Amino acid sequence: MNRANSLEDIKKSLEDNRVVLLYFGAKNCSVCEVLRPKIEDSLKDNFEKIEALFIENLVEINVEFGVFSNPTIILLIDKKEFKRYGRNISLNIFNSEIKRLYDMVY
């Protein structure tokens, strides 16, 4: 999962990739720290064509995407938001919902 340091990084990724996953997290968030490696492994094993970006406490980006709590995961397809997950996320539900969308796109 690559780190996005600015809104321009995200815009470039959206231009270059059809499907982009944004993972919003924070250093002091225990859920973020436990969930992030699991999401990364799932993407690597099952959804290799999805570009994943990690955003850590960047207020400008959080405001742009309407993120008010961590962790928040947003899946964008063709620059449009298709799925949003917040706080407690079931990996089974995440994988099945992402797989359905992934199969439709690819």
PDB file of N, CA and C in Angstrom:
ATOM      1  N   MET A   1       0.861  -1.170   0.000  1.00  0.00           N
ATOM      2  CA  MET A   1       0.000   0.000   0.000  1.00  0.00           C
ATOM      3  C   MET A   1       0.906   1.232   0.000  1.00  0.00           C
ATOM      4  N   ASN A   2       0.745   2.066  -0.987  1.00  0.00           N
ATOM      5  CA  ASN A   2       1.546   3.283  -1.096  1.00  0.00           C
ATOM      6  C   ASN A   2       0.964   4.382  -0.214  1.00  0.00           C
ATOM      7  N   ARG A   3       1.805   5.281   0.220  1.00  0.00           N
ATOM      8  CA  ARG A   3       1.374   6.406   1.054  1.00  0.00           C
ATOM      9  C   ARG A   3       1.069   7.608   0.166  1.00  0.00           C
ATOM     10  N   ALA A   4      -0.076   8.220   0.383  1.00  0.00           N
ATOM     11  CA  ALA A   4      -0.442   9.456  -0.315  1.00  0.00           C
ATOM     12  C   ALA A   4      -0.156  10.617   0.623  1.00  0.00           C
ATOM     13  N   ASN A   5       0.647  11.558   0.153  1.00  0.00           N
ATOM     14  CA  ASN A   5       1.024  12.699   0.986  1.00  0.00           C
ATOM     15  C   ASN A   5       0.305  13.981   0.602  1.00  0.00           C
ATOM     16  N   SER A   6      -0.465  13.929  -0.474  1.00  0.00           N
ATOM     17  CA  SER A   6      -1.183  15.129  -0.900  1.00  0.00           C
ATOM     18  C   SER A   6      -2.379  14.734  -1.757  1.00  0.00           C
ATOM     19  N   LEU A   7      -3.247  15.686  -1.938  1.00  0.00           N
ATOM     20  CA  LEU A   7      -4.415  15.481  -2.797  1.00  0.00           C
ATOM     21  C   LEU A   7      -3.978  15.223  -4.237  1.00  0.00           C
ATOM     22  N   GLU A   8      -2.863  15.812  -4.642  1.00  0.00           N
ATOM     23  CA  GLU A   8      -2.343  15.609  -5.999  1.00  0.00           C
ATOM     24  C   GLU A   8      -1.926  14.155  -6.215  1.00  0.00           C
ATOM     25  N   ASP A   9      -1.359  13.507  -5.175  1.00  0.00           N
ATOM     26  CA  ASP A   9      -1.000  12.088  -5.272  1.00  0.00           C
ATOM     27  C   ASP A   9      -2.236  11.239  -5.569  1.00  0.00           C
ATOM     28  N   ILE A  10      -3.332  11.552  -4.898  1.00  0.00           N
ATOM     29  CA  ILE A  10      -4.568  10.798  -5.093  1.00  0.00           C
ATOM     30  C   ILE A  10      -5.138  11.063  -6.479  1.00  0.00           C
ATOM     31  N   LYS A  11      -5.146  12.319  -6.901  1.00  0.00           N
ATOM     32  CA  LYS A  11      -5.669  12.651  -8.230  1.00  0.00           C
ATOM     33  C   LYS A  11      -4.873  11.950  -9.324  1.00  0.00           C
ATOM     34  N   LYS A  12      -3.555  11.886  -9.178  1.00  0.00           N
ATOM     35  CA  LYS A  12      -2.713  11.202 -10.159  1.00  0.00           C
ATOM     36  C   LYS A  12      -3.033   9.711 -10.195  1.00  0.00           C
ATOM     37  N   SER A  13      -3.202   9.128  -9.027  1.00  0.00           N
ATOM     38  CA  SER A  13      -3.533   7.709  -8.947  1.00  0.00           C
ATOM     39  C   SER A  13      -4.887   7.425  -9.581  1.00  0.00           C
ATOM     40  N   LEU A  14      -5.857   8.328  -9.377  1.00  0.00           N
ATOM     41  CA  LEU A  14      -7.177   8.168  -9.986  1.00  0.00           C
ATOM     42  C   LEU A  14      -7.116   8.284 -11.507  1.00  0.00           C
ATOM     43  N   GLU A  15      -6.209   9.111 -12.005  1.00  0.00           N
ATOM     44  CA  GLU A  15      -6.034   9.248 -13.456  1.00  0.00           C
ATOM     45  C   GLU A  15      -5.391   7.997 -14.057  1.00  0.00           C
ATOM     46  N   ASP A  16      -4.442   7.408 -13.303  1.00  0.00           N
ATOM     47  CA  ASP A  16      -3.651   6.295 -13.823  1.00  0.00           C
ATOM     48  C   ASP A  16      -4.293   4.923 -13.621  1.00  0.00           C
ATOM     49  N   ASN A  17      -5.260   4.812 -12.709  1.00  0.00           N
ATOM     50  CA  ASN A  17      -5.840   3.509 -12.357  1.00  0.00           C
ATOM     51  C   ASN A  17      -7.355   3.560 -12.399  1.00  0.00           C
ATOM     52  N   ARG A  18      -7.931   2.471 -12.835  1.00  0.00           N
ATOM     53  CA  ARG A  18      -9.392   2.406 -12.918  1.00  0.00           C
ATOM     54  C   ARG A  18     -10.030   2.220 -11.539  1.00  0.00           C
ATOM     55  N   VAL A  19      -9.389   1.410 -10.686  1.00  0.00           N
ATOM     56  CA  VAL A  19      -9.911   1.135  -9.343  1.00  0.00           C
ATOM     57  C   VAL A  19      -8.859   1.555  -8.321  1.00  0.00           C
ATOM     58  N   VAL A  20      -9.271   2.381  -7.362  1.00  0.00           N
ATOM     59  CA  VAL A  20      -8.370   2.880  -6.322  1.00  0.00           C
ATOM     60  C   VAL A  20      -9.044   2.692  -4.970  1.00  0.00           C
ATOM     61  N   LEU A  21      -8.280   2.168  -4.015  1.00  0.00           N
ATOM     62  CA  LEU A  21      -8.759   2.015  -2.649  1.00  0.00           C
ATOM     63  C   LEU A  21      -7.991   2.995  -1.770  1.00  0.00           C
ATOM     64  N   LEU A  22      -8.716   3.801  -1.023  1.00  0.00           N
ATOM     65  CA  LEU A  22      -8.115   4.759  -0.098  1.00  0.00           C
ATOM     66  C   LEU A  22      -8.313   4.246   1.324  1.00  0.00           C
ATOM     67  N   TYR A  23      -7.227   4.101   2.052  1.00  0.00           N
ATOM     68  CA  TYR A  23      -7.273   3.649   3.442  1.00  0.00           C
ATOM     69  C   TYR A  23      -6.858   4.814   4.327  1.00  0.00           C
ATOM     70  N   PHE A  24      -7.805   5.342   5.082  1.00  0.00           N
ATOM     71  CA  PHE A  24      -7.551   6.456   5.996  1.00  0.00           C
ATOM     72  C   PHE A  24      -7.273   5.892   7.384  1.00  0.00           C
ATOM     73  N   GLY A  25      -6.125   6.239   7.957  1.00  0.00           N
ATOM     74  CA  GLY A  25      -5.760   5.740   9.271  1.00  0.00           C
ATOM     75  C   GLY A  25      -5.001   6.772  10.073  1.00  0.00           C
ATOM     76  N   ALA A  26      -4.624   6.373  11.285  1.00  0.00           N
ATOM     77  CA  ALA A  26      -3.879   7.257  12.176  1.00  0.00           C
ATOM     78  C   ALA A  26      -2.898   6.435  13.003  1.00  0.00           C
ATOM     79  N   LYS A  27      -1.840   7.084  13.492  1.00  0.00           N
ATOM     80  CA  LYS A  27      -0.819   6.390  14.288  1.00  0.00           C
ATOM     81  C   LYS A  27      -1.363   5.868  15.605  1.00  0.00           C
ATOM     82  N   ASN A  28      -2.195   6.632  16.273  1.00  0.00           N
ATOM     83  CA  ASN A  28      -2.691   6.250  17.598  1.00  0.00           C
ATOM     84  C   ASN A  28      -3.941   5.382  17.546  1.00  0.00           C
ATOM     85  N   CYS A  29      -4.294   4.898  16.386  1.00  0.00           N
ATOM     86  CA  CYS A  29      -5.514   4.102  16.201  1.00  0.00           C
ATOM     87  C   CYS A  29      -5.154   2.621  16.174  1.00  0.00           C
ATOM     88  N   SER A  30      -5.497   1.899  17.233  1.00  0.00           N
ATOM     89  CA  SER A  30      -5.144   0.474  17.310  1.00  0.00           C
ATOM     90  C   SER A  30      -5.882  -0.344  16.243  1.00  0.00           C
ATOM     91  N   VAL A  31      -7.123   0.002  15.969  1.00  0.00           N
ATOM     92  CA  VAL A  31      -7.875  -0.706  14.930  1.00  0.00           C
ATOM     93  C   VAL A  31      -7.201  -0.515  13.570  1.00  0.00           C
ATOM     94  N   CYS A  32      -6.759   0.703  13.290  1.00  0.00           N
ATOM     95  CA  CYS A  32      -6.071   0.997  12.021  1.00  0.00           C
ATOM     96  C   CYS A  32      -4.826   0.146  11.861  1.00  0.00           C
ATOM     97  N   GLU A  33      -4.050   0.030  12.928  1.00  0.00           N
ATOM     98  CA  GLU A  33      -2.788  -0.694  12.878  1.00  0.00           C
ATOM     99  C   GLU A  33      -2.991  -2.197  12.710  1.00  0.00           C
ATOM    100  N   VAL A  34      -4.054  -2.747  13.256  1.00  0.00           N
ATOM    101  CA  VAL A  34      -4.338  -4.172  13.129  1.00  0.00           C
ATOM    102  C   VAL A  34      -4.981  -4.473  11.777  1.00  0.00           C
ATOM    103  N   LEU A  35      -5.859  -3.625  11.331  1.00  0.00           N
ATOM    104  CA  LEU A  35      -6.616  -3.871  10.103  1.00  0.00           C
ATOM    105  C   LEU A  35      -5.797  -3.666   8.832  1.00  0.00           C
ATOM    106  N   ARG A  36      -4.933  -2.685   8.838  1.00  0.00           N
ATOM    107  CA  ARG A  36      -4.190  -2.336   7.615  1.00  0.00           C
ATOM    108  C   ARG A  36      -3.412  -3.513   7.010  1.00  0.00           C
ATOM    109  N   PRO A  37      -2.624  -4.277   7.783  1.00  0.00           N
ATOM    110  CA  PRO A  37      -1.911  -5.408   7.174  1.00  0.00           C
ATOM    111  C   PRO A  37      -2.853  -6.473   6.607  1.00  0.00           C
ATOM    112  N   LYS A  38      -3.992  -6.646   7.241  1.00  0.00           N
ATOM    113  CA  LYS A  38      -4.958  -7.635   6.743  1.00  0.00           C
ATOM    114  C   LYS A  38      -5.557  -7.192   5.415  1.00  0.00           C
ATOM    115  N   ILE A  39      -5.864  -5.913   5.305  1.00  0.00           N
ATOM    116  CA  ILE A  39      -6.384  -5.370   4.044  1.00  0.00           C
ATOM    117  C   ILE A  39      -5.311  -5.463   2.964  1.00  0.00           C
ATOM    118  N   GLU A  40      -4.074  -5.121   3.306  1.00  0.00           N
ATOM    119  CA  GLU A  40      -2.969  -5.210   2.345  1.00  0.00           C
ATOM    120  C   GLU A  40      -2.793  -6.636   1.834  1.00  0.00           C
ATOM    121  N   ASP A  41      -2.826  -7.606   2.736  1.00  0.00           N
ATOM    122  CA  ASP A  41      -2.690  -9.016   2.330  1.00  0.00           C
ATOM    123  C   ASP A  41      -3.832  -9.447   1.434  1.00  0.00           C
ATOM    124  N   SER A  42      -5.041  -9.037   1.774  1.00  0.00           N
ATOM    125  CA  SER A  42      -6.211  -9.384   0.964  1.00  0.00           C
ATOM    126  C   SER A  42      -6.097  -8.805  -0.437  1.00  0.00           C
ATOM    127  N   LEU A  43      -5.669  -7.550  -0.530  1.00  0.00           N
ATOM    128  CA  LEU A  43      -5.516  -6.917  -1.837  1.00  0.00           C
ATOM    129  C   LEU A  43      -4.426  -7.614  -2.643  1.00  0.00           C
ATOM    130  N   LYS A  44      -3.316  -7.927  -2.000  1.00  0.00           N
ATOM    131  CA  LYS A  44      -2.197  -8.569  -2.679  1.00  0.00           C
ATOM    132  C   LYS A  44      -2.580  -9.972  -3.176  1.00  0.00           C
ATOM    133  N   ASP A  45      -3.322 -10.722  -2.360  1.00  0.00           N
ATOM    134  CA  ASP A  45      -3.677 -12.103  -2.701  1.00  0.00           C
ATOM    135  C   ASP A  45      -4.840 -12.211  -3.683  1.00  0.00           C
ATOM    136  N   ASN A  46      -5.799 -11.285  -3.606  1.00  0.00           N
ATOM    137  CA  ASN A  46      -7.045 -11.449  -4.360  1.00  0.00           C
ATOM    138  C   ASN A  46      -7.335 -10.363  -5.384  1.00  0.00           C
ATOM    139  N   PHE A  47      -6.815  -9.168  -5.164  1.00  0.00           N
ATOM    140  CA  PHE A  47      -7.207  -8.029  -5.995  1.00  0.00           C
ATOM    141  C   PHE A  47      -5.982  -7.230  -6.424  1.00  0.00           C
ATOM    142  N   GLU A  48      -5.081  -7.870  -7.133  1.00  0.00           N
ATOM    143  CA  GLU A  48      -3.792  -7.259  -7.455  1.00  0.00           C
ATOM    144  C   GLU A  48      -3.885  -6.048  -8.367  1.00  0.00           C
ATOM    145  N   LYS A  49      -4.988  -5.858  -9.077  1.00  0.00           N
ATOM    146  CA  LYS A  49      -5.121  -4.717  -9.985  1.00  0.00           C
ATOM    147  C   LYS A  49      -5.615  -3.444  -9.292  1.00  0.00           C
ATOM    148  N   ILE A  50      -6.003  -3.558  -8.022  1.00  0.00           N
ATOM    149  CA  ILE A  50      -6.478  -2.394  -7.277  1.00  0.00           C
ATOM    150  C   ILE A  50      -5.284  -1.614  -6.737  1.00  0.00           C
ATOM    151  N   GLU A  51      -5.247  -0.330  -7.034  1.00  0.00           N
ATOM    152  CA  GLU A  51      -4.223   0.574  -6.491  1.00  0.00           C
ATOM    153  C   GLU A  51      -4.684   1.007  -5.101  1.00  0.00           C
ATOM    154  N   ALA A  52      -3.860   0.747  -4.090  1.00  0.00           N
ATOM    155  CA  ALA A  52      -4.221   1.082  -2.714  1.00  0.00           C
ATOM    156  C   ALA A  52      -3.330   2.202  -2.198  1.00  0.00           C
ATOM    157  N   LEU A  53      -3.941   3.196  -1.579  1.00  0.00           N
ATOM    158  CA  LEU A  53      -3.217   4.330  -1.006  1.00  0.00           C
ATOM    159  C   LEU A  53      -3.557   4.462   0.477  1.00  0.00           C
ATOM    160  N   PHE A  54      -2.534   4.739   1.274  1.00  0.00           N
ATOM    161  CA  PHE A  54      -2.692   4.953   2.706  1.00  0.00           C
ATOM    162  C   PHE A  54      -2.597   6.446   2.989  1.00  0.00           C
ATOM    163  N   ILE A  55      -3.600   6.988   3.674  1.00  0.00           N
ATOM    164  CA  ILE A  55      -3.637   8.406   4.026  1.00  0.00           C
ATOM    165  C   ILE A  55      -3.648   8.491   5.548  1.00  0.00           C
ATOM    166  N   GLU A  56      -2.660   9.198   6.107  1.00  0.00           N
ATOM    167  CA  GLU A  56      -2.544   9.269   7.560  1.00  0.00           C
ATOM    168  C   GLU A  56      -2.680  10.712   8.040  1.00  0.00           C
ATOM    169  N   ASN A  57      -3.827  11.004   8.643  1.00  0.00           N
ATOM    170  CA  ASN A  57      -4.078  12.300   9.288  1.00  0.00           C
ATOM    171  C   ASN A  57      -3.751  13.513   8.422  1.00  0.00           C
ATOM    172  N   LEU A  58      -4.209  13.529   7.202  1.00  0.00           N
ATOM    173  CA  LEU A  58      -4.037  14.680   6.337  1.00  0.00           C
ATOM    174  C   LEU A  58      -5.392  15.371   6.208  1.00  0.00           C
ATOM    175  N   VAL A  59      -5.571  16.454   6.944  1.00  0.00           N
ATOM    176  CA  VAL A  59      -6.866  17.118   7.085  1.00  0.00           C
ATOM    177  C   VAL A  59      -7.450  17.515   5.733  1.00  0.00           C
ATOM    178  N   GLU A  60      -6.629  18.054   4.858  1.00  0.00           N
ATOM    179  CA  GLU A  60      -7.117  18.490   3.536  1.00  0.00           C
ATOM    180  C   GLU A  60      -7.767  17.324   2.769  1.00  0.00           C
ATOM    181  N   ILE A  61      -7.133  16.159   2.820  1.00  0.00           N
ATOM    182  CA  ILE A  61      -7.671  14.991   2.104  1.00  0.00           C
ATOM    183  C   ILE A  61      -8.898  14.442   2.824  1.00  0.00           C
ATOM    184  N   ASN A  62      -8.847  14.386   4.156  1.00  0.00           N
ATOM    185  CA  ASN A  62     -10.004  13.908   4.923  1.00  0.00           C
ATOM    186  C   ASN A  62     -11.249  14.745   4.640  1.00  0.00           C
ATOM    187  N   VAL A  63     -11.078  16.057   4.580  1.00  0.00           N
ATOM    188  CA  VAL A  63     -12.209  16.949   4.299  1.00  0.00           C
ATOM    189  C   VAL A  63     -12.726  16.719   2.879  1.00  0.00           C
ATOM    190  N   GLU A  64     -11.825  16.587   1.937  1.00  0.00           N
ATOM    191  CA  GLU A  64     -12.202  16.373   0.535  1.00  0.00           C
ATOM    192  C   GLU A  64     -13.068  15.123   0.360  1.00  0.00           C
ATOM    193  N   PHE A  65     -12.761  14.056   1.131  1.00  0.00           N
ATOM    194  CA  PHE A  65     -13.485  12.796   0.993  1.00  0.00           C
ATOM    195  C   PHE A  65     -14.517  12.578   2.106  1.00  0.00           C
ATOM    196  N   GLY A  66     -14.711  13.551   2.975  1.00  0.00           N
ATOM    197  CA  GLY A  66     -15.724  13.447   4.021  1.00  0.00           C
ATOM    198  C   GLY A  66     -15.423  12.361   5.035  1.00  0.00           C
ATOM    199  N   VAL A  67     -14.167  12.234   5.423  1.00  0.00           N
ATOM    200  CA  VAL A  67     -13.744  11.214   6.386  1.00  0.00           C
ATOM    201  C   VAL A  67     -13.598  11.873   7.756  1.00  0.00           C
ATOM    202  N   PHE A  68     -14.350  11.348   8.736  1.00  0.00           N
ATOM    203  CA  PHE A  68     -14.353  11.935  10.068  1.00  0.00           C
ATOM    204  C   PHE A  68     -13.919  10.962  11.155  1.00  0.00           C
ATOM    205  N   SER A  69     -13.655   9.694  10.789  1.00  0.00           N
ATOM    206  CA  SER A  69     -13.183   8.718  11.768  1.00  0.00           C
ATOM    207  C   SER A  69     -12.214   7.755  11.084  1.00  0.00           C
ATOM    208  N   ASN A  70     -11.398   7.124  11.898  1.00  0.00           N
ATOM    209  CA  ASN A  70     -10.412   6.167  11.397  1.00  0.00           C
ATOM    210  C   ASN A  70     -10.667   4.805  12.009  1.00  0.00           C
ATOM    211  N   PRO A  71     -10.430   3.740  11.305  1.00  0.00           N
ATOM    212  CA  PRO A  71     -10.106   3.681   9.882  1.00  0.00           C
ATOM    213  C   PRO A  71     -11.348   3.858   9.015  1.00  0.00           C
ATOM    214  N   THR A  72     -11.139   4.404   7.863  1.00  0.00           N
ATOM    215  CA  THR A  72     -12.172   4.496   6.831  1.00  0.00           C
ATOM    216  C   THR A  72     -11.543   4.009   5.535  1.00  0.00           C
ATOM    217  N   ILE A  73     -12.265   3.168   4.828  1.00  0.00           N
ATOM    218  CA  ILE A  73     -11.799   2.645   3.542  1.00  0.00           C
ATOM    219  C   ILE A  73     -12.811   3.066   2.488  1.00  0.00           C
ATOM    220  N   ILE A  74     -12.302   3.658   1.408  1.00  0.00           N
ATOM    221  CA  ILE A  74     -13.160   4.083   0.301  1.00  0.00           C
ATOM    222  C   ILE A  74     -12.661   3.409  -0.966  1.00  0.00           C
ATOM    223  N   LEU A  75     -13.565   2.760  -1.688  1.00  0.00           N
ATOM    224  CA  LEU A  75     -13.232   2.148  -2.972  1.00  0.00           C
ATOM    225  C   LEU A  75     -13.820   3.007  -4.077  1.00  0.00           C
ATOM    226  N   LEU A  76     -12.948   3.480  -4.963  1.00  0.00           N
ATOM    227  CA  LEU A  76     -13.367   4.324  -6.089  1.00  0.00           C
ATOM    228  C   LEU A  76     -13.166   3.559  -7.390  1.00  0.00           C
ATOM    229  N   ILE A  77     -14.170   3.579  -8.241  1.00  0.00           N
ATOM    230  CA  ILE A  77     -14.081   2.972  -9.562  1.00  0.00           C
ATOM    231  C   ILE A  77     -14.393   4.069 -10.570  1.00  0.00           C
ATOM    232  N   ASP A  78     -13.485   4.262 -11.507  1.00  0.00           N
ATOM    233  CA  ASP A  78     -13.618   5.326 -12.506  1.00  0.00           C
ATOM    234  C   ASP A  78     -13.897   6.673 -11.840  1.00  0.00           C
ATOM    235  N   LYS A  79     -13.162   6.946 -10.748  1.00  0.00           N
ATOM    236  CA  LYS A  79     -13.210   8.216 -10.006  1.00  0.00           C
ATOM    237  C   LYS A  79     -14.504   8.441  -9.226  1.00  0.00           C
ATOM    238  N   LYS A  80     -15.330   7.394  -9.108  1.00  0.00           N
ATOM    239  CA  LYS A  80     -16.586   7.518  -8.355  1.00  0.00           C
ATOM    240  C   LYS A  80     -16.557   6.559  -7.161  1.00  0.00           C
ATOM    241  N   GLU A  81     -17.077   7.035  -6.042  1.00  0.00           N
ATOM    242  CA  GLU A  81     -17.107   6.204  -4.844  1.00  0.00           C
ATOM    243  C   GLU A  81     -18.159   5.110  -4.983  1.00  0.00           C
ATOM    244  N   PHE A  82     -17.714   3.857  -4.784  1.00  0.00           N
ATOM    245  CA  PHE A  82     -18.628   2.731  -4.861  1.00  0.00           C
ATOM    246  C   PHE A  82     -18.887   2.099  -3.506  1.00  0.00           C
ATOM    247  N   LYS A  83     -17.873   2.079  -2.636  1.00  0.00           N
ATOM    248  CA  LYS A  83     -18.039   1.476  -1.316  1.00  0.00           C
ATOM    249  C   LYS A  83     -17.283   2.303  -0.295  1.00  0.00           C
ATOM    250  N   ARG A  84     -17.844   2.337   0.922  1.00  0.00           N
ATOM    251  CA  ARG A  84     -17.198   3.022   2.045  1.00  0.00           C
ATOM    252  C   ARG A  84     -17.370   2.141   3.275  1.00  0.00           C
ATOM    253  N   TYR A  85     -16.260   1.899   3.946  1.00  0.00           N
ATOM    254  CA  TYR A  85     -16.270   1.108   5.176  1.00  0.00           C
ATOM    255  C   TYR A  85     -15.679   1.962   6.281  1.00  0.00           C
ATOM    256  N   GLY A  86     -16.258   1.858   7.483  1.00  0.00           N
ATOM    257  CA  GLY A  86     -15.757   2.642   8.608  1.00  0.00           C
ATOM    258  C   GLY A  86     -15.691   1.842   9.886  1.00  0.00           C
ATOM    259  N   ARG A  87     -14.703   2.191  10.699  1.00  0.00           N
ATOM    260  CA  ARG A  87     -14.468   1.596  12.027  1.00  0.00           C
ATOM    261  C   ARG A  87     -14.351   0.078  11.983  1.00  0.00           C
ATOM    262  N   ASN A  88     -15.323  -0.643  12.504  1.00  0.00           N
ATOM    263  CA  ASN A  88     -15.241  -2.099  12.595  1.00  0.00           C
ATOM    264  C   ASN A  88     -15.653  -2.728  11.272  1.00  0.00           C
ATOM    265  N   ILE A  89     -14.700  -3.394  10.651  1.00  0.00           N
ATOM    266  CA  ILE A  89     -14.909  -3.934   9.313  1.00  0.00           C
ATOM    267  C   ILE A  89     -14.736  -5.438   9.347  1.00  0.00           C
ATOM    268  N   SER A  90     -15.710  -6.162   8.817  1.00  0.00           N
ATOM    269  CA  SER A  90     -15.604  -7.606   8.681  1.00  0.00           C
ATOM    270  C   SER A  90     -14.812  -7.906   7.415  1.00  0.00           C
ATOM    271  N   LEU A  91     -13.710  -8.639   7.562  1.00  0.00           N
ATOM    272  CA  LEU A  91     -12.894  -8.961   6.393  1.00  0.00           C
ATOM    273  C   LEU A  91     -13.631  -9.866   5.413  1.00  0.00           C
ATOM    274  N   ASN A  92     -14.483 -10.743   5.921  1.00  0.00           N
ATOM    275  CA  ASN A  92     -15.263 -11.613   5.023  1.00  0.00           C
ATOM    276  C   ASN A  92     -16.220 -10.794   4.165  1.00  0.00           C
ATOM    277  N   ILE A  93     -16.912  -9.859   4.778  1.00  0.00           N
ATOM    278  CA  ILE A  93     -17.829  -9.003   4.023  1.00  0.00           C
ATOM    279  C   ILE A  93     -17.045  -8.111   3.068  1.00  0.00           C
ATOM    280  N   PHE A  94     -15.944  -7.546   3.549  1.00  0.00           N
ATOM    281  CA  PHE A  94     -15.089  -6.711   2.704  1.00  0.00           C
ATOM    282  C   PHE A  94     -14.658  -7.488   1.454  1.00  0.00           C
ATOM    283  N   ASN A  95     -14.114  -8.693   1.655  1.00  0.00           N
ATOM    284  CA  ASN A  95     -13.629  -9.488   0.525  1.00  0.00           C
ATOM    285  C   ASN A  95     -14.741  -9.861  -0.450  1.00  0.00           C
ATOM    286  N   SER A  96     -15.892 -10.242   0.053  1.00  0.00           N
ATOM    287  CA  SER A  96     -16.979 -10.649  -0.858  1.00  0.00           C
ATOM    288  C   SER A  96     -17.530  -9.453  -1.642  1.00  0.00           C
ATOM    289  N   GLU A  97     -17.662  -8.310  -0.999  1.00  0.00           N
ATOM    290  CA  GLU A  97     -18.177  -7.130  -1.704  1.00  0.00           C
ATOM    291  C   GLU A  97     -17.166  -6.591  -2.717  1.00  0.00           C
ATOM    292  N   ILE A  98     -15.894  -6.572  -2.337  1.00  0.00           N
ATOM    293  CA  ILE A  98     -14.861  -6.109  -3.256  1.00  0.00           C
ATOM    294  C   ILE A  98     -14.730  -7.083  -4.426  1.00  0.00           C
ATOM    295  N   LYS A  99     -14.827  -8.371  -4.159  1.00  0.00           N
ATOM    296  CA  LYS A  99     -14.729  -9.366  -5.233  1.00  0.00           C
ATOM    297  C   LYS A  99     -15.829  -9.174  -6.275  1.00  0.00           C
ATOM    298  N   ARG A 100     -17.028  -8.916  -5.822  1.00  0.00           N
ATOM    299  CA  ARG A 100     -18.145  -8.698  -6.751  1.00  0.00           C
ATOM    300  C   ARG A 100     -17.867  -7.500  -7.657  1.00  0.00           C
ATOM    301  N   LEU A 101     -17.422  -6.401  -7.076  1.00  0.00           N
ATOM    302  CA  LEU A 101     -17.105  -5.212  -7.869  1.00  0.00           C
ATOM    303  C   LEU A 101     -15.881  -5.441  -8.758  1.00  0.00           C
ATOM    304  N   TYR A 102     -14.886  -6.107  -8.220  1.00  0.00           N
ATOM    305  CA  TYR A 102     -13.653  -6.397  -8.958  1.00  0.00           C
ATOM    306  C   TYR A 102     -13.955  -7.252 -10.202  1.00  0.00           C
ATOM    307  N   ASP A 103     -14.799  -8.254 -10.015  1.00  0.00           N
ATOM    308  CA  ASP A 103     -15.176  -9.131 -11.142  1.00  0.00           C
ATOM    309  C   ASP A 103     -15.952  -8.370 -12.208  1.00  0.00           C
ATOM    310  N   MET A 104     -16.744  -7.392 -11.803  1.00  0.00           N
ATOM    311  CA  MET A 104     -17.489  -6.594 -12.768  1.00  0.00           C
ATOM    312  C   MET A 104     -16.553  -5.700 -13.591  1.00  0.00           C
ATOM    313  N   VAL A 105     -15.512  -5.173 -12.951  1.00  0.00           N
ATOM    314  CA  VAL A 105     -14.599  -4.247 -13.628  1.00  0.00           C
ATOM    315  C   VAL A 105     -13.559  -4.999 -14.462  1.00  0.00           C
ATOM    316  N   TYR A 106     -13.019  -6.077 -13.900  1.00  0.00           N
ATOM    317  CA  TYR A 106     -11.960  -6.815 -14.585  1.00  0.00           C
ATOM    318  C   TYR A 106     -12.483  -8.161 -15.046  1.00  0.00           C
TER     319      TYR A 106
END
